[in-house]
Amino acid sequence: MRRSQLERYVDILSILTRYGPLKMTHLMYQANVNYVVLKEDLQFLVKQALVEELNNGKDKAVFRVTERGINVTKYFQEPKQTITINQEEYAP
Protein backbone atom coordinates (compact mmCIF):
# COMPACT_ATOMS: atom_id res chain seq x y z
CA MET A 1 0.00 0.00 0.00
CA ARG A 2 1.35 3.40 -0.98
CA ARG A 3 1.84 6.18 1.54
CA SER A 4 0.20 9.52 1.04
CA GLN A 5 2.31 12.63 0.68
CA LEU A 6 1.40 13.65 4.23
CA GLU A 7 2.47 10.24 5.56
CA ARG A 8 5.84 10.62 3.79
CA TYR A 9 6.33 14.06 5.31
CA VAL A 10 5.57 12.76 8.80
CA ASP A 11 7.86 9.75 8.24
CA ILE A 12 10.74 12.02 7.18
CA LEU A 13 10.22 14.28 10.20
CA SER A 14 10.03 11.27 12.52
CA ILE A 15 13.24 9.79 11.13
CA LEU A 16 15.11 13.08 11.50
CA THR A 17 13.76 13.45 15.03
CA ARG A 18 14.85 9.92 15.95
CA TYR A 19 18.28 9.79 14.28
CA GLY A 20 19.31 13.44 14.19
CA PRO A 21 20.85 15.18 11.18
CA LEU A 22 21.24 12.86 8.18
CA LYS A 23 22.70 13.05 4.70
CA MET A 24 20.31 12.66 1.80
CA THR A 25 21.36 9.07 1.06
CA HIS A 26 20.91 7.89 4.65
CA LEU A 27 17.54 9.58 4.88
CA MET A 28 16.51 8.03 1.56
CA TYR A 29 17.16 4.52 2.88
CA GLN A 30 15.54 5.13 6.26
CA ALA A 31 12.40 6.64 4.69
CA ASN A 32 12.29 3.99 1.94
CA VAL A 33 11.68 6.53 -0.81
CA ASN A 34 13.52 7.24 -4.06
CA TYR A 35 15.87 10.18 -4.53
CA VAL A 36 13.61 12.35 -6.72
CA VAL A 37 10.60 12.05 -4.41
CA LEU A 38 12.72 12.66 -1.31
CA LYS A 39 14.29 15.75 -2.87
CA GLU A 40 10.84 17.21 -3.61
CA ASP A 41 9.58 16.34 -0.13
CA LEU A 42 12.62 17.93 1.52
CA GLN A 43 12.23 21.09 -0.56
CA PHE A 44 8.66 21.40 0.69
CA LEU A 45 9.64 20.71 4.31
CA VAL A 46 12.45 23.29 4.14
CA LYS A 47 10.04 25.91 2.71
CA GLN A 48 7.66 25.21 5.59
CA ALA A 49 10.54 25.62 8.11
CA LEU A 50 10.06 22.06 9.37
CA VAL A 51 13.52 20.92 8.22
CA GLU A 52 16.71 22.86 7.69
CA GLU A 53 19.56 22.10 5.33
CA LEU A 54 23.04 22.42 6.80
CA ASN A 55 26.17 22.79 4.66
CA ASN A 56 29.58 22.65 6.28
CA GLY A 57 31.54 23.35 3.12
CA LYS A 58 33.28 20.20 1.91
CA ASP A 59 30.71 17.52 2.78
CA LYS A 60 27.30 17.01 1.24
CA ALA A 61 24.29 18.71 2.79
CA VAL A 62 22.83 17.36 6.00
CA PHE A 63 19.16 17.74 6.92
CA ARG A 64 17.97 18.44 10.45
CA VAL A 65 14.47 18.75 11.86
CA THR A 66 13.59 22.12 13.39
CA GLU A 67 11.71 22.71 16.63
CA ARG A 68 8.61 23.40 14.57
CA GLY A 69 9.10 20.06 12.79
CA ILE A 70 9.36 18.24 16.12
CA ASN A 71 6.05 19.77 17.22
CA VAL A 72 4.37 18.69 13.98
CA THR A 73 5.72 15.16 14.44
CA LYS A 74 4.30 15.01 17.97
CA TYR A 75 0.94 16.29 16.73
CA PHE A 76 0.62 13.56 14.11
CA GLN A 77 2.00 10.73 16.23
CA GLU A 78 -0.29 11.20 19.25
CA PRO A 79 -3.48 10.12 17.41
CA LYS A 80 -1.58 7.20 15.86
CA GLN A 81 -0.56 5.96 19.33
CA THR A 82 -4.11 6.36 20.65
CA ILE A 83 -5.55 4.35 17.77
CA THR A 84 -2.97 1.58 18.31
CA ILE A 85 -3.85 1.36 22.00
CA ASN A 86 -7.58 1.20 21.28
CA GLN A 87 -7.08 -1.57 18.73
CA GLU A 88 -5.14 -3.65 21.24
CA GLU A 89 -7.90 -3.29 23.86
CA TYR A 90 -10.54 -4.69 21.52
CA ALA A 91 -8.53 -7.46 19.92
CA PRO A 92 -10.22 -10.87 20.28
PDB file of N, CA and C in Angstrom:
ATOM      1  N   MET A   1       0.836  -1.177   0.000  1.00  0.00           N
ATOM      2  CA  MET A   1       0.000   0.000   0.000  1.00  0.00           C
ATOM      3  C   MET A   1       0.884   1.245   0.000  1.00  0.00           C
ATOM      4  N   ARG A   2       0.561   2.190  -0.843  1.00  0.00           N
ATOM      5  CA  ARG A   2       1.353   3.405  -0.975  1.00  0.00           C
ATOM      6  C   ARG A   2       1.021   4.396   0.128  1.00  0.00           C
ATOM      7  N   ARG A   3       2.038   5.137   0.541  1.00  0.00           N
ATOM      8  CA  ARG A   3       1.839   6.183   1.538  1.00  0.00           C
ATOM      9  C   ARG A   3       1.383   7.465   0.853  1.00  0.00           C
ATOM     10  N   SER A   4       0.593   8.218   1.551  1.00  0.00           N
ATOM     11  CA  SER A   4       0.198   9.520   1.039  1.00  0.00           C
ATOM     12  C   SER A   4       1.373  10.491   1.203  1.00  0.00           C
ATOM     13  N   GLN A   5       1.255  11.620   0.579  1.00  0.00           N
ATOM     14  CA  GLN A   5       2.307  12.627   0.676  1.00  0.00           C
ATOM     15  C   GLN A   5       2.459  13.076   2.132  1.00  0.00           C
ATOM     16  N   LEU A   6       1.359  13.255   2.825  1.00  0.00           N
ATOM     17  CA  LEU A   6       1.401  13.647   4.230  1.00  0.00           C
ATOM     18  C   LEU A   6       2.106  12.591   5.076  1.00  0.00           C
ATOM     19  N   GLU A   7       1.819  11.325   4.816  1.00  0.00           N
ATOM     20  CA  GLU A   7       2.475  10.242   5.557  1.00  0.00           C
ATOM     21  C   GLU A   7       3.982  10.247   5.309  1.00  0.00           C
ATOM     22  N   ARG A   8       4.398  10.532   4.079  1.00  0.00           N
ATOM     23  CA  ARG A   8       5.836  10.620   3.789  1.00  0.00           C
ATOM     24  C   ARG A   8       6.476  11.768   4.551  1.00  0.00           C
ATOM     25  N   TYR A   9       5.798  12.911   4.576  1.00  0.00           N
ATOM     26  CA  TYR A   9       6.327  14.061   5.315  1.00  0.00           C
ATOM     27  C   TYR A   9       6.513  13.718   6.791  1.00  0.00           C
ATOM     28  N   VAL A  10       5.504  13.116   7.379  1.00  0.00           N
ATOM     29  CA  VAL A  10       5.568  12.756   8.800  1.00  0.00           C
ATOM     30  C   VAL A  10       6.657  11.714   9.031  1.00  0.00           C
ATOM     31  N   ASP A  11       6.804  10.756   8.123  1.00  0.00           N
ATOM     32  CA  ASP A  11       7.861   9.755   8.244  1.00  0.00           C
ATOM     33  C   ASP A  11       9.243  10.405   8.209  1.00  0.00           C
ATOM     34  N   ILE A  12       9.446  11.334   7.292  1.00  0.00           N
ATOM     35  CA  ILE A  12      10.737  12.020   7.183  1.00  0.00           C
ATOM     36  C   ILE A  12      11.025  12.791   8.463  1.00  0.00           C
ATOM     37  N   LEU A  13      10.032  13.523   8.958  1.00  0.00           N
ATOM     38  CA  LEU A  13      10.216  14.276  10.198  1.00  0.00           C
ATOM     39  C   LEU A  13      10.504  13.347  11.370  1.00  0.00           C
ATOM     40  N   SER A  14       9.808  12.233  11.430  1.00  0.00           N
ATOM     41  CA  SER A  14      10.026  11.266  12.521  1.00  0.00           C
ATOM     42  C   SER A  14      11.434  10.678  12.477  1.00  0.00           C
ATOM     43  N   ILE A  15      11.898  10.357  11.288  1.00  0.00           N
ATOM     44  CA  ILE A  15      13.238   9.792  11.131  1.00  0.00           C
ATOM     45  C   ILE A  15      14.291  10.809  11.547  1.00  0.00           C
ATOM     46  N   LEU A  16      14.146  12.053  11.116  1.00  0.00           N
ATOM     47  CA  LEU A  16      15.113  13.081  11.496  1.00  0.00           C
ATOM     48  C   LEU A  16      15.055  13.369  12.990  1.00  0.00           C
ATOM     49  N   THR A  17      13.885  13.263  13.586  1.00  0.00           N
ATOM     50  CA  THR A  17      13.757  13.448  15.030  1.00  0.00           C
ATOM     51  C   THR A  17      14.457  12.315  15.771  1.00  0.00           C
ATOM     52  N   ARG A  18      14.284  11.096  15.290  1.00  0.00           N
ATOM     53  CA  ARG A  18      14.845   9.921  15.953  1.00  0.00           C
ATOM     54  C   ARG A  18      16.360   9.821  15.783  1.00  0.00           C
ATOM     55  N   TYR A  19      16.872  10.040  14.571  1.00  0.00           N
ATOM     56  CA  TYR A  19      18.281   9.793  14.282  1.00  0.00           C
ATOM     57  C   TYR A  19      19.147  11.041  14.261  1.00  0.00           C
ATOM     58  N   GLY A  20      18.534  12.209  14.266  1.00  0.00           N
ATOM     59  CA  GLY A  20      19.314  13.443  14.189  1.00  0.00           C
ATOM     60  C   GLY A  20      19.628  13.788  12.748  1.00  0.00           C
ATOM     61  N   PRO A  21      20.528  14.747  12.543  1.00  0.00           N
ATOM     62  CA  PRO A  21      20.853  15.178  11.180  1.00  0.00           C
ATOM     63  C   PRO A  21      21.363  14.025  10.318  1.00  0.00           C
ATOM     64  N   LEU A  22      20.852  13.935   9.093  1.00  0.00           N
ATOM     65  CA  LEU A  22      21.235  12.860   8.179  1.00  0.00           C
ATOM     66  C   LEU A  22      21.540  13.417   6.798  1.00  0.00           C
ATOM     67  N   LYS A  23      22.447  12.740   6.106  1.00  0.00           N
ATOM     68  CA  LYS A  23      22.696  13.048   4.701  1.00  0.00           C
ATOM     69  C   LYS A  23      21.527  12.507   3.887  1.00  0.00           C
ATOM     70  N   MET A  24      21.411  13.023   2.687  1.00  0.00           N
ATOM     71  CA  MET A  24      20.306  12.655   1.797  1.00  0.00           C
ATOM     72  C   MET A  24      20.226  11.138   1.586  1.00  0.00           C
ATOM     73  N   THR A  25      21.342  10.505   1.340  1.00  0.00           N
ATOM     74  CA  THR A  25      21.356   9.066   1.061  1.00  0.00           C
ATOM     75  C   THR A  25      20.860   8.265   2.266  1.00  0.00           C
ATOM     76  N   HIS A  26      21.324   8.610   3.442  1.00  0.00           N
ATOM     77  CA  HIS A  26      20.915   7.886   4.652  1.00  0.00           C
ATOM     78  C   HIS A  26      19.426   8.080   4.910  1.00  0.00           C
ATOM     79  N   LEU A  27      18.961   9.294   4.700  1.00  0.00           N
ATOM     80  CA  LEU A  27      17.541   9.581   4.878  1.00  0.00           C
ATOM     81  C   LEU A  27      16.699   8.831   3.848  1.00  0.00           C
ATOM     82  N   MET A  28      17.198   8.738   2.639  1.00  0.00           N
ATOM     83  CA  MET A  28      16.506   8.035   1.565  1.00  0.00           C
ATOM     84  C   MET A  28      16.277   6.567   1.938  1.00  0.00           C
ATOM     85  N   TYR A  29      17.294   5.919   2.484  1.00  0.00           N
ATOM     86  CA  TYR A  29      17.158   4.516   2.875  1.00  0.00           C
ATOM     87  C   TYR A  29      16.244   4.343   4.084  1.00  0.00           C
ATOM     88  N   GLN A  30      16.379   5.224   5.057  1.00  0.00           N
ATOM     89  CA  GLN A  30      15.540   5.129   6.260  1.00  0.00           C
ATOM     90  C   GLN A  30      14.057   5.352   5.932  1.00  0.00           C
ATOM     91  N   ALA A  31      13.788   6.303   5.040  1.00  0.00           N
ATOM     92  CA  ALA A  31      12.403   6.636   4.689  1.00  0.00           C
ATOM     93  C   ALA A  31      11.836   5.713   3.615  1.00  0.00           C
ATOM     94  N   ASN A  32      12.701   4.914   2.996  1.00  0.00           N
ATOM     95  CA  ASN A  32      12.288   3.992   1.939  1.00  0.00           C
ATOM     96  C   ASN A  32      11.556   4.729   0.813  1.00  0.00           C
ATOM     97  N   VAL A  33      12.249   5.723   0.270  1.00  0.00           N
ATOM     98  CA  VAL A  33      11.681   6.532  -0.806  1.00  0.00           C
ATOM     99  C   VAL A  33      12.800   6.843  -1.796  1.00  0.00           C
ATOM    100  N   ASN A  34      12.471   7.006  -3.069  1.00  0.00           N
ATOM    101  CA  ASN A  34      13.518   7.243  -4.057  1.00  0.00           C
ATOM    102  C   ASN A  34      14.038   8.686  -3.985  1.00  0.00           C
ATOM    103  N   TYR A  35      15.156   8.917  -4.622  1.00  0.00           N
ATOM    104  CA  TYR A  35      15.874  10.185  -4.534  1.00  0.00           C
ATOM    105  C   TYR A  35      15.035  11.377  -5.009  1.00  0.00           C
ATOM    106  N   VAL A  36      14.377  11.242  -6.141  1.00  0.00           N
ATOM    107  CA  VAL A  36      13.613  12.347  -6.724  1.00  0.00           C
ATOM    108  C   VAL A  36      12.462  12.753  -5.802  1.00  0.00           C
ATOM    109  N   VAL A  37      11.736  11.779  -5.298  1.00  0.00           N
ATOM    110  CA  VAL A  37      10.603  12.050  -4.410  1.00  0.00           C
ATOM    111  C   VAL A  37      11.099  12.675  -3.104  1.00  0.00           C
ATOM    112  N   LEU A  38      12.179  12.127  -2.556  1.00  0.00           N
ATOM    113  CA  LEU A  38      12.724  12.664  -1.309  1.00  0.00           C
ATOM    114  C   LEU A  38      13.188  14.106  -1.489  1.00  0.00           C
ATOM    115  N   LYS A  39      13.815  14.388  -2.599  1.00  0.00           N
ATOM    116  CA  LYS A  39      14.294  15.749  -2.866  1.00  0.00           C
ATOM    117  C   LYS A  39      13.122  16.732  -2.888  1.00  0.00           C
ATOM    118  N   GLU A  40      12.041  16.358  -3.567  1.00  0.00           N
ATOM    119  CA  GLU A  40      10.843  17.206  -3.613  1.00  0.00           C
ATOM    120  C   GLU A  40      10.235  17.374  -2.225  1.00  0.00           C
ATOM    121  N   ASP A  41      10.149  16.279  -1.475  1.00  0.00           N
ATOM    122  CA  ASP A  41       9.582  16.337  -0.126  1.00  0.00           C
ATOM    123  C   ASP A  41      10.424  17.235   0.781  1.00  0.00           C
ATOM    124  N   LEU A  42      11.744  17.106   0.696  1.00  0.00           N
ATOM    125  CA  LEU A  42      12.623  17.929   1.518  1.00  0.00           C
ATOM    126  C   LEU A  42      12.530  19.405   1.147  1.00  0.00           C
ATOM    127  N   GLN A  43      12.397  19.697  -0.140  1.00  0.00           N
ATOM    128  CA  GLN A  43      12.231  21.094  -0.557  1.00  0.00           C
ATOM    129  C   GLN A  43      10.976  21.694   0.069  1.00  0.00           C
ATOM    130  N   PHE A  44       9.899  20.928   0.075  1.00  0.00           N
ATOM    131  CA  PHE A  44       8.658  21.399   0.686  1.00  0.00           C
ATOM    132  C   PHE A  44       8.846  21.606   2.189  1.00  0.00           C
ATOM    133  N   LEU A  45       9.460  20.623   2.858  1.00  0.00           N
ATOM    134  CA  LEU A  45       9.644  20.707   4.313  1.00  0.00           C
ATOM    135  C   LEU A  45      10.562  21.868   4.696  1.00  0.00           C
ATOM    136  N   VAL A  46      11.557  22.149   3.886  1.00  0.00           N
ATOM    137  CA  VAL A  46      12.449  23.287   4.139  1.00  0.00           C
ATOM    138  C   VAL A  46      11.673  24.596   3.970  1.00  0.00           C
ATOM    139  N   LYS A  47      10.853  24.697   2.931  1.00  0.00           N
ATOM    140  CA  LYS A  47      10.045  25.906   2.709  1.00  0.00           C
ATOM    141  C   LYS A  47       9.092  26.156   3.865  1.00  0.00           C
ATOM    142  N   GLN A  48       8.599  25.091   4.472  1.00  0.00           N
ATOM    143  CA  GLN A  48       7.662  25.207   5.591  1.00  0.00           C
ATOM    144  C   GLN A  48       8.379  25.399   6.925  1.00  0.00           C
ATOM    145  N   ALA A  49       9.700  25.452   6.903  1.00  0.00           N
ATOM    146  CA  ALA A  49      10.538  25.622   8.108  1.00  0.00           C
ATOM    147  C   ALA A  49      10.386  24.460   9.090  1.00  0.00           C
ATOM    148  N   LEU A  50      10.145  23.259   8.541  1.00  0.00           N
ATOM    149  CA  LEU A  50      10.061  22.056   9.374  1.00  0.00           C
ATOM    150  C   LEU A  50      11.389  21.319   9.399  1.00  0.00           C
ATOM    151  N   VAL A  51      12.191  21.536   8.357  1.00  0.00           N
ATOM    152  CA  VAL A  51      13.518  20.922   8.220  1.00  0.00           C
ATOM    153  C   VAL A  51      14.461  22.016   7.750  1.00  0.00           C
ATOM    154  N   GLU A  52      15.719  21.928   8.202  1.00  0.00           N
ATOM    155  CA  GLU A  52      16.714  22.864   7.693  1.00  0.00           C
ATOM    156  C   GLU A  52      17.870  22.101   7.073  1.00  0.00           C
ATOM    157  N   GLU A  53      18.435  22.703   6.041  1.00  0.00           N
ATOM    158  CA  GLU A  53      19.560  22.103   5.329  1.00  0.00           C
ATOM    159  C   GLU A  53      20.838  22.753   5.827  1.00  0.00           C
ATOM    160  N   LEU A  54      21.771  21.925   6.271  1.00  0.00           N
ATOM    161  CA  LEU A  54      23.042  22.421   6.797  1.00  0.00           C
ATOM    162  C   LEU A  54      24.162  22.061   5.844  1.00  0.00           C
ATOM    163  N   ASN A  55      24.991  23.024   5.507  1.00  0.00           N
ATOM    164  CA  ASN A  55      26.169  22.793   4.661  1.00  0.00           C
ATOM    165  C   ASN A  55      27.403  23.201   5.455  1.00  0.00           C
ATOM    166  N   ASN A  56      28.367  22.296   5.558  1.00  0.00           N
ATOM    167  CA  ASN A  56      29.583  22.651   6.281  1.00  0.00           C
ATOM    168  C   ASN A  56      30.770  22.842   5.327  1.00  0.00           C
ATOM    169  N   GLY A  57      30.493  23.055   4.086  1.00  0.00           N
ATOM    170  CA  GLY A  57      31.545  23.350   3.123  1.00  0.00           C
ATOM    171  C   GLY A  57      31.918  22.176   2.247  1.00  0.00           C
ATOM    172  N   LYS A  58      32.747  21.277   2.752  1.00  0.00           N
ATOM    173  CA  LYS A  58      33.283  20.204   1.912  1.00  0.00           C
ATOM    174  C   LYS A  58      32.361  18.989   1.791  1.00  0.00           C
ATOM    175  N   ASP A  59      31.595  18.681   2.822  1.00  0.00           N
ATOM    176  CA  ASP A  59      30.708  17.515   2.775  1.00  0.00           C
ATOM    177  C   ASP A  59      29.391  17.862   2.106  1.00  0.00           C
ATOM    178  N   LYS A  60      28.636  16.815   1.800  1.00  0.00           N
ATOM    179  CA  LYS A  60      27.301  17.015   1.239  1.00  0.00           C
ATOM    180  C   LYS A  60      26.379  17.588   2.311  1.00  0.00           C
ATOM    181  N   ALA A  61      25.252  18.102   1.875  1.00  0.00           N
ATOM    182  CA  ALA A  61      24.286  18.706   2.788  1.00  0.00           C
ATOM    183  C   ALA A  61      23.741  17.679   3.770  1.00  0.00           C
ATOM    184  N   VAL A  62      23.441  18.168   4.948  1.00  0.00           N
ATOM    185  CA  VAL A  62      22.832  17.362   5.995  1.00  0.00           C
ATOM    186  C   VAL A  62      21.504  18.024   6.349  1.00  0.00           C
ATOM    187  N   PHE A  63      20.489  17.213   6.600  1.00  0.00           N
ATOM    188  CA  PHE A  63      19.161  17.744   6.918  1.00  0.00           C
ATOM    189  C   PHE A  63      18.848  17.478   8.383  1.00  0.00           C
ATOM    190  N   ARG A  64      18.295  18.520   9.026  1.00  0.00           N
ATOM    191  CA  ARG A  64      17.970  18.443  10.447  1.00  0.00           C
ATOM    192  C   ARG A  64      16.559  18.970  10.665  1.00  0.00           C
ATOM    193  N   VAL A  65      15.832  18.319  11.548  1.00  0.00           N
ATOM    194  CA  VAL A  65      14.473  18.753  11.859  1.00  0.00           C
ATOM    195  C   VAL A  65      14.555  19.989  12.763  1.00  0.00           C
ATOM    196  N   THR A  66      13.636  20.923  12.552  1.00  0.00           N
ATOM    197  CA  THR A  66      13.585  22.120  13.386  1.00  0.00           C
ATOM    198  C   THR A  66      12.653  21.870  14.571  1.00  0.00           C
ATOM    199  N   GLU A  67      12.611  22.825  15.484  1.00  0.00           N
ATOM    200  CA  GLU A  67      11.708  22.711  16.631  1.00  0.00           C
ATOM    201  C   GLU A  67      10.254  22.649  16.159  1.00  0.00           C
ATOM    202  N   ARG A  68       9.952  23.422  15.148  1.00  0.00           N
ATOM    203  CA  ARG A  68       8.605  23.398  14.569  1.00  0.00           C
ATOM    204  C   ARG A  68       8.288  22.012  13.991  1.00  0.00           C
ATOM    205  N   GLY A  69       9.273  21.395  13.338  1.00  0.00           N
ATOM    206  CA  GLY A  69       9.101  20.057  12.789  1.00  0.00           C
ATOM    207  C   GLY A  69       8.870  19.014  13.864  1.00  0.00           C
ATOM    208  N   ILE A  70       9.551  19.167  14.990  1.00  0.00           N
ATOM    209  CA  ILE A  70       9.358  18.243  16.116  1.00  0.00           C
ATOM    210  C   ILE A  70       7.932  18.350  16.641  1.00  0.00           C
ATOM    211  N   ASN A  71       7.431  19.574  16.748  1.00  0.00           N
ATOM    212  CA  ASN A  71       6.050  19.773  17.216  1.00  0.00           C
ATOM    213  C   ASN A  71       5.037  19.159  16.260  1.00  0.00           C
ATOM    214  N   VAL A  72       5.268  19.293  14.967  1.00  0.00           N
ATOM    215  CA  VAL A  72       4.372  18.691  13.975  1.00  0.00           C
ATOM    216  C   VAL A  72       4.407  17.172  14.097  1.00  0.00           C
ATOM    217  N   THR A  73       5.586  16.616  14.285  1.00  0.00           N
ATOM    218  CA  THR A  73       5.723  15.165  14.443  1.00  0.00           C
ATOM    219  C   THR A  73       4.927  14.678  15.647  1.00  0.00           C
ATOM    220  N   LYS A  74       5.043  15.381  16.762  1.00  0.00           N
ATOM    221  CA  LYS A  74       4.296  15.008  17.970  1.00  0.00           C
ATOM    222  C   LYS A  74       2.794  15.073  17.719  1.00  0.00           C
ATOM    223  N   TYR A  75       2.366  16.105  17.017  1.00  0.00           N
ATOM    224  CA  TYR A  75       0.939  16.289  16.730  1.00  0.00           C
ATOM    225  C   TYR A  75       0.378  15.115  15.939  1.00  0.00           C
ATOM    226  N   PHE A  76       1.115  14.641  14.956  1.00  0.00           N
ATOM    227  CA  PHE A  76       0.619  13.556  14.111  1.00  0.00           C
ATOM    228  C   PHE A  76       0.826  12.181  14.726  1.00  0.00           C
ATOM    229  N   GLN A  77       1.758  12.045  15.649  1.00  0.00           N
ATOM    230  CA  GLN A  77       2.001  10.728  16.227  1.00  0.00           C
ATOM    231  C   GLN A  77       1.094  10.427  17.409  1.00  0.00           C
ATOM    232  N   GLU A  78       0.592  11.433  18.108  1.00  0.00           N
ATOM    233  CA  GLU A  78      -0.292  11.199  19.248  1.00  0.00           C
ATOM    234  C   GLU A  78      -1.564  10.451  18.854  1.00  0.00           C
ATOM    235  N   PRO A  79      -2.285  10.887  17.809  1.00  0.00           N
ATOM    236  CA  PRO A  79      -3.483  10.121  17.415  1.00  0.00           C
ATOM    237  C   PRO A  79      -3.141   8.701  16.980  1.00  0.00           C
ATOM    238  N   LYS A  80      -2.001   8.528  16.326  1.00  0.00           N
ATOM    239  CA  LYS A  80      -1.580   7.200  15.862  1.00  0.00           C
ATOM    240  C   LYS A  80      -1.381   6.274  17.057  1.00  0.00           C
ATOM    241  N   GLN A  81      -0.779   6.767  18.130  1.00  0.00           N
ATOM    242  CA  GLN A  81      -0.558   5.958  19.326  1.00  0.00           C
ATOM    243  C   GLN A  81      -1.885   5.636  20.013  1.00  0.00           C
ATOM    244  N   THR A  82      -2.801   6.579  20.046  1.00  0.00           N
ATOM    245  CA  THR A  82      -4.105   6.364  20.655  1.00  0.00           C
ATOM    246  C   THR A  82      -4.885   5.293  19.898  1.00  0.00           C
ATOM    247  N   ILE A  83      -4.849   5.339  18.589  1.00  0.00           N
ATOM    248  CA  ILE A  83      -5.546   4.346  17.770  1.00  0.00           C
ATOM    249  C   ILE A  83      -4.949   2.961  17.994  1.00  0.00           C
ATOM    250  N   THR A  84      -3.637   2.871  18.071  1.00  0.00           N
ATOM    251  CA  THR A  84      -2.974   1.581  18.310  1.00  0.00           C
ATOM    252  C   THR A  84      -3.393   1.007  19.649  1.00  0.00           C
ATOM    253  N   ILE A  85      -3.451   1.823  20.670  1.00  0.00           N
ATOM    254  CA  ILE A  85      -3.847   1.361  22.002  1.00  0.00           C
ATOM    255  C   ILE A  85      -5.286   0.865  21.976  1.00  0.00           C
ATOM    256  N   ASN A  86      -6.170   1.603  21.341  1.00  0.00           N
ATOM    257  CA  ASN A  86      -7.575   1.197  21.284  1.00  0.00           C
ATOM    258  C   ASN A  86      -7.744  -0.105  20.517  1.00  0.00           C
ATOM    259  N   GLN A  87      -6.992  -0.326  19.481  1.00  0.00           N
ATOM    260  CA  GLN A  87      -7.079  -1.571  18.726  1.00  0.00           C
ATOM    261  C   GLN A  87      -6.635  -2.746  19.566  1.00  0.00           C
ATOM    262  N   GLU A  88      -5.631  -2.568  20.397  1.00  0.00           N
ATOM    263  CA  GLU A  88      -5.138  -3.650  21.245  1.00  0.00           C
ATOM    264  C   GLU A  88      -6.168  -4.015  22.319  1.00  0.00           C
ATOM    265  N   GLU A  89      -6.901  -3.027  22.820  1.00  0.00           N
ATOM    266  CA  GLU A  89      -7.905  -3.286  23.857  1.00  0.00           C
ATOM    267  C   GLU A  89      -9.043  -4.146  23.351  1.00  0.00           C
ATOM    268  N   TYR A  90      -9.396  -3.989  22.074  1.00  0.00           N
ATOM    269  CA  TYR A  90     -10.541  -4.690  21.522  1.00  0.00           C
ATOM    270  C   TYR A  90     -10.187  -5.906  20.677  1.00  0.00           C
ATOM    271  N   ALA A  91      -8.946  -6.305  20.706  1.00  0.00           N
ATOM    272  CA  ALA A  91      -8.534  -7.460  19.925  1.00  0.00           C
ATOM    273  C   ALA A  91      -9.103  -8.734  20.551  1.00  0.00           C
ATOM    274  N   PRO A  92      -9.633  -9.626  19.722  1.00  0.00           N
ATOM    275  CA  PRO A  92     -10.216 -10.869  20.281  1.00  0.00           C
ATOM    276  C   PRO A  92      -9.169 -11.840  20.755  1.00  0.00           C
TER     277      PRO A  92
END
